[in-house]
C-alpha atoms as a PDB file:
ATOM      1  CA  MET A   1     -14.838  -5.316  -8.579  1.00  0.00           C
ATOM      2  CA  LEU A   2     -11.282  -3.995  -8.732  1.00  0.00           C
ATOM      3  CA  LYS A   3      -9.917  -7.541  -8.618  1.00  0.00           C
ATOM      4  CA  ALA A   4     -12.167  -8.400 -11.579  1.00  0.00           C
ATOM      5  CA  ILE A   5     -10.910  -5.360 -13.504  1.00  0.00           C
ATOM      6  CA  ALA A   6      -7.287  -6.313 -12.831  1.00  0.00           C
ATOM      7  CA  SER A   7      -7.991  -9.883 -13.989  1.00  0.00           C
ATOM      8  CA  CYS A   8      -9.614  -8.593 -17.186  1.00  0.00           C
ATOM      9  CA  LEU A   9      -6.574  -6.392 -17.777  1.00  0.00           C
ATOM     10  CA  LEU A  10      -4.254  -9.378 -17.524  1.00  0.00           C
ATOM     11  CA  VAL A  11      -6.452 -11.437 -19.844  1.00  0.00           C
ATOM     12  CA  GLY A  12      -6.537  -8.555 -22.329  1.00  0.00           C
ATOM     13  CA  THR A  13      -2.760  -8.265 -22.180  1.00  0.00           C
ATOM     14  CA  VAL A  14      -2.337 -11.960 -22.949  1.00  0.00           C
ATOM     15  CA  ALA A  15      -4.753 -11.595 -25.887  1.00  0.00           C
ATOM     16  CA  LEU A  16      -2.699  -8.651 -27.182  1.00  0.00           C
ATOM     17  CA  VAL A  17       0.476 -10.725 -26.958  1.00  0.00           C
ATOM     18  CA  VAL A  18      -1.108 -13.586 -28.928  1.00  0.00           C
ATOM     19  CA  ALA A  19      -2.447 -11.210 -31.582  1.00  0.00           C
ATOM     20  CA  ASP A  20       0.898  -9.403 -31.892  1.00  0.00           C
ATOM     21  CA  THR A  21       2.820 -12.669 -32.249  1.00  0.00           C
ATOM     22  CA  ALA A  22       0.339 -14.118 -34.742  1.00  0.00           C
ATOM     23  CA  SER A  23       0.451 -10.948 -36.848  1.00  0.00           C
ATOM     24  CA  ALA A  24       4.247 -10.990 -36.987  1.00  0.00           C
ATOM     25  CA  GLN A  25       4.306 -14.648 -37.966  1.00  0.00           C
ATOM     26  CA  SER A  26       1.654 -14.240 -40.670  1.00  0.00           C
ATOM     27  CA  GLN A  27       3.582 -11.351 -42.226  1.00  0.00           C
ATOM     28  CA  GLY A  28       6.923 -13.132 -41.942  1.00  0.00           C
ATOM     29  CA  VAL A  29       8.310 -10.259 -39.922  1.00  0.00           C
ATOM     30  CA  VAL A  30      11.402 -10.936 -37.816  1.00  0.00           C
ATOM     31  CA  VAL A  31      11.474  -8.684 -34.768  1.00  0.00           C
ATOM     32  CA  ASP A  32      14.557  -8.405 -32.572  1.00  0.00           C
ATOM     33  CA  LYS A  33      13.740  -9.540 -29.072  1.00  0.00           C
ATOM     34  CA  PRO A  34      13.803  -6.546 -26.697  1.00  0.00           C
ATOM     35  CA  PRO A  35      16.109  -6.824 -23.685  1.00  0.00           C
ATOM     36  CA  GLN A  36      15.002  -7.732 -20.197  1.00  0.00           C
ATOM     37  CA  THR A  37      15.326  -5.224 -17.351  1.00  0.00           C
ATOM     38  CA  VAL A  38      16.155  -5.312 -13.654  1.00  0.00           C
ATOM     39  CA  ASN A  39      14.286  -2.256 -12.384  1.00  0.00           C
ATOM     40  CA  PHE A  40      14.963  -0.368  -9.135  1.00  0.00           C
ATOM     41  CA  THR A  41      12.387   2.014  -7.644  1.00  0.00           C
ATOM     42  CA  LEU A  42      12.483   4.777  -5.027  1.00  0.00           C
ATOM     43  CA  GLY A  43       9.558   6.989  -4.110  1.00  0.00           C
ATOM     44  CA  GLY A  44       6.801   7.788  -1.661  1.00  0.00           C
ATOM     45  CA  PHE A  45       3.580   6.086  -0.562  1.00  0.00           C
ATOM     46  CA  TRP A  46       0.477   8.190   0.226  1.00  0.00           C
ATOM     47  CA  PRO A  47      -2.217   6.212   2.062  1.00  0.00           C
ATOM     48  CA  LYS A  48      -5.838   6.970   1.333  1.00  0.00           C
ATOM     49  CA  GLY A  49      -7.323   9.861   3.285  1.00  0.00           C
ATOM     50  CA  LEU A  50     -10.232   9.880   5.674  1.00  0.00           C
ATOM     51  CA  GLU A  51     -12.997  10.052   3.069  1.00  0.00           C
ATOM     52  CA  GLY A  52     -11.564   7.294   0.895  1.00  0.00           C
ATOM     53  CA  ARG A  53     -10.923   4.710   3.588  1.00  0.00           C
ATOM     54  CA  ASP A  54     -13.085   1.730   4.437  1.00  0.00           C
ATOM     55  CA  ASP A  55     -15.884   2.619   6.878  1.00  0.00           C
ATOM     56  CA  HIS A  56     -14.556   0.066   9.398  1.00  0.00           C
ATOM     57  CA  ASP A  57     -10.878   0.939   8.978  1.00  0.00           C
ATOM     58  CA  LEU A  58      -8.922   0.907  12.245  1.00  0.00           C
ATOM     59  CA  LEU A  59      -7.074   4.167  11.529  1.00  0.00           C
ATOM     60  CA  ARG A  60     -10.383   5.808  10.693  1.00  0.00           C
ATOM     61  CA  GLU A  61     -11.753   4.636  14.034  1.00  0.00           C
ATOM     62  CA  ASN A  62      -8.660   5.919  15.839  1.00  0.00           C
ATOM     63  CA  CYS A  63      -8.698   9.377  14.291  1.00  0.00           C
ATOM     64  CA  PHE A  64     -10.899  11.949  15.998  1.00  0.00           C
ATOM     65  CA  ILE A  65     -13.952  12.528  13.801  1.00  0.00           C
ATOM     66  CA  ALA A  66     -16.614  14.965  14.926  1.00  0.00           C
ATOM     67  CA  GLU A  67     -19.392  13.079  13.134  1.00  0.00           C
ATOM     68  CA  ALA A  68     -18.238   9.751  14.628  1.00  0.00           C
ATOM     69  CA  PRO A  69     -18.302  10.231  18.421  1.00  0.00           C
ATOM     70  CA  ASP A  70     -17.702   6.519  19.090  1.00  0.00           C
ATOM     71  CA  CYS A  71     -14.202   6.595  17.627  1.00  0.00           C
ATOM     72  CA  THR A  72     -11.039   6.614  19.743  1.00  0.00           C
ATOM     73  CA  PRO A  73      -9.895  10.275  19.941  1.00  0.00           C
ATOM     74  CA  LEU A  74      -6.236   9.954  18.965  1.00  0.00           C
ATOM     75  CA  ASP A  75      -4.332  12.992  17.773  1.00  0.00           C
ATOM     76  CA  PHE A  76      -2.684  12.212  14.430  1.00  0.00           C
ATOM     77  CA  GLU A  77      -3.176  12.919  10.735  1.00  0.00           C
ATOM     78  CA  PHE A  78      -3.468  10.418   7.890  1.00  0.00           C
ATOM     79  CA  ASP A  79      -0.775  12.354   6.050  1.00  0.00           C
ATOM     80  CA  ASP A  80       1.584  11.382   8.885  1.00  0.00           C
ATOM     81  CA  PHE A  81       1.662   7.889   7.362  1.00  0.00           C
ATOM     82  CA  THR A  82       3.171   9.163   4.114  1.00  0.00           C
ATOM     83  CA  GLY A  83       6.569   7.501   3.822  1.00  0.00           C
ATOM     84  CA  LEU A  84       9.383   6.270   1.618  1.00  0.00           C
ATOM     85  CA  THR A  85       9.082   3.114  -0.439  1.00  0.00           C
ATOM     86  CA  PHE A  86      11.757   1.297  -2.410  1.00  0.00           C
ATOM     87  CA  GLY A  87      11.942  -1.938  -4.317  1.00  0.00           C
ATOM     88  CA  ALA A  88      13.156  -3.969  -7.267  1.00  0.00           C
ATOM     89  CA  GLU A  89      11.473  -5.883 -10.071  1.00  0.00           C
ATOM     90  CA  TRP A  90      12.265  -8.039 -13.066  1.00  0.00           C
ATOM     91  CA  LEU A  91      10.686  -6.899 -16.343  1.00  0.00           C
ATOM     92  CA  PHE A  92      10.643  -9.151 -19.387  1.00  0.00           C
ATOM     93  CA  PRO A  93       9.080  -8.376 -22.797  1.00  0.00           C
ATOM     94  CA  ILE A  94       6.464 -10.539 -24.503  1.00  0.00           C
ATOM     95  CA  GLY A  95       5.951  -9.434 -28.066  1.00  0.00           C
ATOM     96  CA  ASN A  96       6.661  -5.902 -29.207  1.00  0.00           C
ATOM     97  CA  TYR A  97       4.060  -4.028 -27.134  1.00  0.00           C
ATOM     98  CA  VAL A  98       3.741  -5.951 -23.872  1.00  0.00           C
ATOM     99  CA  GLU A  99       5.921  -6.386 -20.819  1.00  0.00           C
ATOM    100  CA  MET A 100       5.411  -8.617 -17.787  1.00  0.00           C
ATOM    101  CA  GLY A 101       6.940  -7.995 -14.387  1.00  0.00           C
ATOM    102  CA  ALA A 102       7.494  -9.458 -10.936  1.00  0.00           C
ATOM    103  CA  GLY A 103       8.818  -7.404  -8.046  1.00  0.00           C
ATOM    104  CA  VAL A 104       8.842  -6.584  -4.356  1.00  0.00           C
ATOM    105  CA  SER A 105       8.875  -3.310  -2.440  1.00  0.00           C
ATOM    106  CA  LEU A 106       8.966  -2.126   1.172  1.00  0.00           C
ATOM    107  CA  TYR A 107       7.103   0.612   3.052  1.00  0.00           C
ATOM    108  CA  SER A 108       7.305   1.219   6.806  1.00  0.00           C
ATOM    109  CA  LYS A 109       6.224   4.237   8.852  1.00  0.00           C
ATOM    110  CA  SER A 110       5.878   4.922  12.572  1.00  0.00           C
ATOM    111  CA  VAL A 111       3.647   7.803  13.701  1.00  0.00           C
ATOM    112  CA  GLU A 112       3.540   9.412  17.136  1.00  0.00           C
ATOM    113  CA  SER A 113       0.059   9.832  18.584  1.00  0.00           C
ATOM    114  CA  ARG A 114      -1.616  10.790  21.840  1.00  0.00           C
ATOM    115  CA  PHE A 115      -5.070  10.753  23.361  1.00  0.00           C
ATOM    116  CA  LEU A 116      -6.852  14.065  23.108  1.00  0.00           C
ATOM    117  CA  ASP A 117      -7.972  15.659  26.383  1.00  0.00           C
ATOM    118  CA  TYR A 118     -10.055  13.128  28.240  1.00  0.00           C
ATOM    119  CA  GLY A 119     -12.273  15.920  29.565  1.00  0.00           C
ATOM    120  CA  GLN A 120     -12.254  17.920  32.768  1.00  0.00           C
ATOM    121  CA  ASP A 121     -15.461  16.197  33.834  1.00  0.00           C
ATOM    122  CA  ASP A 122     -13.725  12.797  33.572  1.00  0.00           C
ATOM    123  CA  PRO A 123     -10.422  13.125  35.411  1.00  0.00           C
ATOM    124  CA  LEU A 124      -8.046  10.181  35.180  1.00  0.00           C
ATOM    125  CA  THR A 125      -7.667   8.122  38.323  1.00  0.00           C
ATOM    126  CA  ILE A 126      -3.957   7.511  37.693  1.00  0.00           C
ATOM    127  CA  PRO A 127      -1.952  10.664  36.850  1.00  0.00           C
ATOM    128  CA  ILE A 128       0.245  10.522  33.745  1.00  0.00           C
ATOM    129  CA  GLU A 129       3.652  12.160  33.426  1.00  0.00           C
ATOM    130  CA  ASP A 130       3.370  15.417  31.481  1.00  0.00           C
ATOM    131  CA  ASP A 131      -0.374  14.745  31.200  1.00  0.00           C
ATOM    132  CA  ASP A 132       0.372  13.009  27.875  1.00  0.00           C
ATOM    133  CA  ILE A 133      -1.092   9.591  27.053  1.00  0.00           C
ATOM    134  CA  ALA A 134       1.067   8.717  24.056  1.00  0.00           C
ATOM    135  CA  GLN A 135       1.338   5.858  21.564  1.00  0.00           C
ATOM    136  CA  ASP A 136       3.374   4.855  18.536  1.00  0.00           C
ATOM    137  CA  LEU A 137       1.295   3.686  15.560  1.00  0.00           C
ATOM    138  CA  LYS A 138       3.279   1.692  13.004  1.00  0.00           C
ATOM    139  CA  LEU A 139       2.291   0.306   9.605  1.00  0.00           C
ATOM    140  CA  LYS A 140       4.542  -1.887   7.466  1.00  0.00           C
ATOM    141  CA  THR A 141       3.738  -3.401   4.064  1.00  0.00           C
ATOM    142  CA  ILE A 142       5.743  -5.552   1.657  1.00  0.00           C
ATOM    143  CA  PRO A 143       3.824  -5.905  -1.642  1.00  0.00           C
ATOM    144  CA  ILE A 144       4.931  -8.724  -3.947  1.00  0.00           C
ATOM    145  CA  ALA A 145       3.518  -7.608  -7.293  1.00  0.00           C
ATOM    146  CA  PHE A 146       2.899  -9.418 -10.579  1.00  0.00           C
ATOM    147  CA  THR A 147       2.192  -6.888 -13.323  1.00  0.00           C
ATOM    148  CA  ALA A 148       1.596  -6.439 -17.038  1.00  0.00           C
ATOM    149  CA  ARG A 149       2.351  -3.278 -19.037  1.00  0.00           C
ATOM    150  CA  VAL A 150       1.198  -2.184 -22.477  1.00  0.00           C
ATOM    151  CA  LEU A 151       3.635   0.041 -24.426  1.00  0.00           C
ATOM    152  CA  PRO A 152       1.659   1.793 -27.213  1.00  0.00           C
ATOM    153  CA  PHE A 153       4.828   2.843 -29.113  1.00  0.00           C
ATOM    154  CA  GLY A 154       6.587  -0.489 -28.692  1.00  0.00           C
ATOM    155  CA  HIS A 155       9.890  -1.495 -27.150  1.00  0.00           C
ATOM    156  CA  SER A 156      11.991   0.004 -29.970  1.00  0.00           C
ATOM    157  CA  ASN A 157      10.955   3.603 -29.270  1.00  0.00           C
ATOM    158  CA  PRO A 158      13.425   5.421 -26.956  1.00  0.00           C
ATOM    159  CA  LEU A 159      10.552   7.239 -25.207  1.00  0.00           C
ATOM    160  CA  GLN A 160       8.190   4.655 -23.742  1.00  0.00           C
ATOM    161  CA  PRO A 161       4.915   5.618 -22.047  1.00  0.00           C
ATOM    162  CA  TYR A 162       3.027   2.673 -20.603  1.00  0.00           C
ATOM    163  CA  VAL A 163      -0.074   1.664 -18.638  1.00  0.00           C
ATOM    164  CA  GLY A 164      -0.837  -1.565 -16.856  1.00  0.00           C
ATOM    165  CA  GLY A 165      -1.899  -3.361 -13.748  1.00  0.00           C
ATOM    166  CA  GLY A 166      -1.750  -6.609 -11.894  1.00  0.00           C
ATOM    167  CA  ILE A 167      -2.132  -8.388  -8.594  1.00  0.00           C
ATOM    168  CA  ALA A 168      -0.148  -7.836  -5.397  1.00  0.00           C
ATOM    169  CA  LEU A 169       0.272 -10.155  -2.442  1.00  0.00           C
ATOM    170  CA  ILE A 170       0.731  -7.705   0.437  1.00  0.00           C
ATOM    171  CA  SER A 171       2.506  -8.812   3.593  1.00  0.00           C
ATOM    172  CA  TRP A 172       1.387  -6.307   6.245  1.00  0.00           C
ATOM    173  CA  LYS A 173       1.694  -5.571   9.949  1.00  0.00           C
ATOM    174  CA  TYR A 174       0.105  -2.841  12.067  1.00  0.00           C
ATOM    175  CA  SER A 175       0.875  -2.147  15.724  1.00  0.00           C
ATOM    176  CA  GLU A 176      -0.022   0.265  18.520  1.00  0.00           C
ATOM    177  CA  ASP A 177       2.483   0.590  21.368  1.00  0.00           C
ATOM    178  CA  GLY A 178       2.076   2.935  24.340  1.00  0.00           C
ATOM    179  CA  GLU A 179      -0.457   4.071  26.920  1.00  0.00           C
ATOM    180  CA  PHE A 180      -4.214   3.577  26.625  1.00  0.00           C
ATOM    181  CA  ILE A 181      -7.364   4.486  28.570  1.00  0.00           C
ATOM    182  CA  ARG A 182     -10.058   2.088  29.655  1.00  0.00           C
ATOM    183  CA  ASP A 183     -13.261   2.570  31.604  1.00  0.00           C
ATOM    184  CA  PHE A 184     -13.496  -0.944  33.060  1.00  0.00           C
ATOM    185  CA  ASP A 185     -11.424  -3.737  34.591  1.00  0.00           C
ATOM    186  CA  CYS A 186      -8.920  -1.487  36.331  1.00  0.00           C
ATOM    187  CA  GLU A 187      -7.932  -4.175  38.856  1.00  0.00           C
ATOM    188  CA  GLY A 188      -9.677  -2.594  41.816  1.00  0.00           C
ATOM    189  CA  ILE A 189      -8.736   0.964  40.879  1.00  0.00           C
ATOM    190  CA  PRO A 190     -11.681   3.290  40.198  1.00  0.00           C
ATOM    191  CA  SER A 191     -12.065   3.802  36.454  1.00  0.00           C
ATOM    192  CA  PRO A 192     -11.094   5.405  34.145  1.00  0.00           C
ATOM    193  CA  CYS A 193      -7.472   4.298  34.341  1.00  0.00           C
ATOM    194  CA  VAL A 194      -4.401   4.149  32.103  1.00  0.00           C
ATOM    195  CA  PHE A 195      -2.403   1.080  31.161  1.00  0.00           C
ATOM    196  CA  ARG A 196       0.618   0.384  28.963  1.00  0.00           C
ATOM    197  CA  ASP A 197       0.541  -2.353  26.333  1.00  0.00           C
ATOM    198  CA  GLU A 198       1.302  -3.246  22.721  1.00  0.00           C
ATOM    199  CA  PHE A 199      -1.238  -4.512  20.193  1.00  0.00           C
ATOM    200  CA  SER A 200      -0.422  -5.810  16.722  1.00  0.00           C
ATOM    201  CA  ASP A 201      -1.873  -7.820  13.879  1.00  0.00           C
ATOM    202  CA  GLY A 202      -0.764  -8.726  10.381  1.00  0.00           C
ATOM    203  CA  GLY A 203      -0.958 -11.218   7.579  1.00  0.00           C
ATOM    204  CA  PHE A 204      -1.263 -11.389   3.812  1.00  0.00           C
ATOM    205  CA  GLN A 205      -3.800  -9.667   1.579  1.00  0.00           C
ATOM    206  CA  VAL A 206      -4.340 -10.123  -2.165  1.00  0.00           C
ATOM    207  CA  ALA A 207      -5.029  -6.781  -3.857  1.00  0.00           C
ATOM    208  CA  PRO A 208      -5.266  -5.360  -7.380  1.00  0.00           C
ATOM    209  CA  LEU A 209      -3.002  -2.537  -8.482  1.00  0.00           C
ATOM    210  CA  PHE A 210      -2.915  -0.152 -11.431  1.00  0.00           C
ATOM    211  CA  LEU A 211       0.071   1.722 -12.840  1.00  0.00           C
ATOM    212  CA  ALA A 212       1.120   4.245 -15.466  1.00  0.00           C
ATOM    213  CA  GLY A 213       4.493   5.697 -16.294  1.00  0.00           C
ATOM    214  CA  MET A 214       7.018   7.089 -18.722  1.00  0.00           C
ATOM    215  CA  ARG A 215      10.629   6.076 -19.251  1.00  0.00           C
ATOM    216  CA  PHE A 216      13.573   6.712 -21.524  1.00  0.00           C
ATOM    217  CA  ALA A 217      15.215   3.511 -22.734  1.00  0.00           C
ATOM    218  CA  SER A 218      18.658   2.989 -24.215  1.00  0.00           C
ATOM    219  CA  ASP A 219      20.351  -0.290 -25.075  1.00  0.00           C
ATOM    220  CA  SER A 220      21.823  -0.630 -21.585  1.00  0.00           C
ATOM    221  CA  PHE A 221      19.596   1.255 -19.134  1.00  0.00           C
ATOM    222  CA  THR A 222      16.222   2.915 -18.532  1.00  0.00           C
ATOM    223  CA  VAL A 223      15.231   5.891 -16.391  1.00  0.00           C
ATOM    224  CA  GLY A 224      11.750   7.258 -15.729  1.00  0.00           C
ATOM    225  CA  GLY A 225       8.849   7.835 -13.343  1.00  0.00           C
ATOM    226  CA  GLU A 226       5.759   5.861 -12.386  1.00  0.00           C
ATOM    227  CA  PHE A 227       2.415   6.194 -10.578  1.00  0.00           C
ATOM    228  CA  ARG A 228       0.766   3.241  -8.851  1.00  0.00           C
ATOM    229  CA  TYR A 229      -2.547   2.814  -7.081  1.00  0.00           C
ATOM    230  CA  GLN A 230      -2.863  -0.090  -4.673  1.00  0.00           C
ATOM    231  CA  TYR A 231      -6.178  -1.323  -3.299  1.00  0.00           C
ATOM    232  CA  GLY A 232      -6.531  -3.718  -0.387  1.00  0.00           C
ATOM    233  CA  VAL A 233      -8.585  -4.109   2.800  1.00  0.00           C
ATOM    234  CA  ALA A 234      -7.474  -6.686   5.379  1.00  0.00           C
ATOM    235  CA  ASP A 235      -9.356  -8.046   8.381  1.00  0.00           C
ATOM    236  CA  ILE A 236      -8.181  -7.148  11.890  1.00  0.00           C
ATOM    237  CA  ASP A 237      -8.390  -9.888  14.519  1.00  0.00           C
ATOM    238  CA  PRO A 238     -10.389  -8.267  17.363  1.00  0.00           C
ATOM    239  CA  GLU A 239      -8.652 -10.499  19.909  1.00  0.00           C
ATOM    240  CA  GLU A 240      -5.308  -8.898  19.013  1.00  0.00           C
ATOM    241  CA  PHE A 241      -6.472  -5.341  19.753  1.00  0.00           C
ATOM    242  CA  PHE A 242      -8.000  -3.698  22.760  1.00  0.00           C
ATOM    243  CA  PHE A 243     -11.801  -3.484  22.563  1.00  0.00           C
ATOM    244  CA  ARG A 244     -12.271  -3.843  18.775  1.00  0.00           C
ATOM    245  CA  LEU A 245     -15.318  -5.009  16.843  1.00  0.00           C
ATOM    246  CA  GLU A 246     -15.492  -8.150  14.713  1.00  0.00           C
ATOM    247  CA  ASP A 247     -15.647  -6.187  11.445  1.00  0.00           C
ATOM    248  CA  THR A 248     -12.627  -3.942  12.083  1.00  0.00           C
ATOM    249  CA  LYS A 249     -10.427  -3.587   8.972  1.00  0.00           C
ATOM    250  CA  MET A 250      -7.035  -2.257   7.944  1.00  0.00           C
ATOM    251  CA  ASP A 251      -7.220  -0.291   4.694  1.00  0.00           C
ATOM    252  CA  LEU A 252      -3.928  -0.789   2.824  1.00  0.00           C
ATOM    253  CA  GLY A 253      -4.843   1.314  -0.204  1.00  0.00           C
ATOM    254  CA  GLY A 254      -3.018   4.350  -1.484  1.00  0.00           C
ATOM    255  CA  TRP A 255      -0.875   6.019  -4.154  1.00  0.00           C
ATOM    256  CA  THR A 256       2.796   5.440  -4.876  1.00  0.00           C
ATOM    257  CA  VAL A 257       4.857   7.941  -6.877  1.00  0.00           C
ATOM    258  CA  GLN A 258       8.334   6.666  -7.664  1.00  0.00           C
ATOM    259  CA  ALA A 259      11.412   7.145  -9.815  1.00  0.00           C
ATOM    260  CA  THR A 260      12.654   4.129 -11.733  1.00  0.00           C
ATOM    261  CA  PHE A 261      16.103   3.104 -12.912  1.00  0.00           C
ATOM    262  CA  GLY A 262      16.668  -0.102 -14.859  1.00  0.00           C
ATOM    263  CA  VAL A 263      19.638  -2.118 -16.052  1.00  0.00           C
ATOM    264  CA  ARG A 264      18.931  -3.932 -19.357  1.00  0.00           C
ATOM    265  CA  PHE A 265      20.349  -7.243 -20.526  1.00  0.00           C
ATOM    266  CA  ASP A 266      19.626  -9.817 -23.245  1.00  0.00           C
END
């Protein structure tokens, strides 16, 4: 549904461009072409919380949830995955009220985790140093975004609020590296036992995104702030992870809040 909404937004933007151009031509109005912009962004990415994530999301399964006793009881918080994001994009005007863009950004965050107490009634066969069964959980995304913005006050106004959206091709990778518990196949050692390994999966996911912002624009530069919401749910290959179901997912959705600085040129 969100992909359909983003597609409709792009179609509506194109229609607005055509109408704006046709109106200017019919009235014989000559409008100076607004400058293009190379935009740089720096901000933070907040992944969706527990309640907003896909029901089969891998991080949701990993996090200890009282109402979901089948999940893996790892000790971490979703807020731990909040991290810096930075990027660059090329913005070019079409008509007086529309702007198209193409850009790329990077987010990467590693989170320390550990198994919660395995239970005094289920002692581990192999003792662990410091009684801590620890892992590093790492998520990395590189969204390549194609966007459209509508500027209600036009490109000539120094103060430029805008709304828009588009489609992102997200390159992603998720990994778990550390110690894990299993209750079977302990190579002749009575279970449960602990083993060390690394699991990872990744790929590309097409996802819609929505944005809104405000900027001040001069003839040579722009400065402002922007909110983005990214939606995307990728499939996890169960063969790449220890004891995962066929329908396990990786929810890539979340909010980005970022500052923007642009250099303008004709």
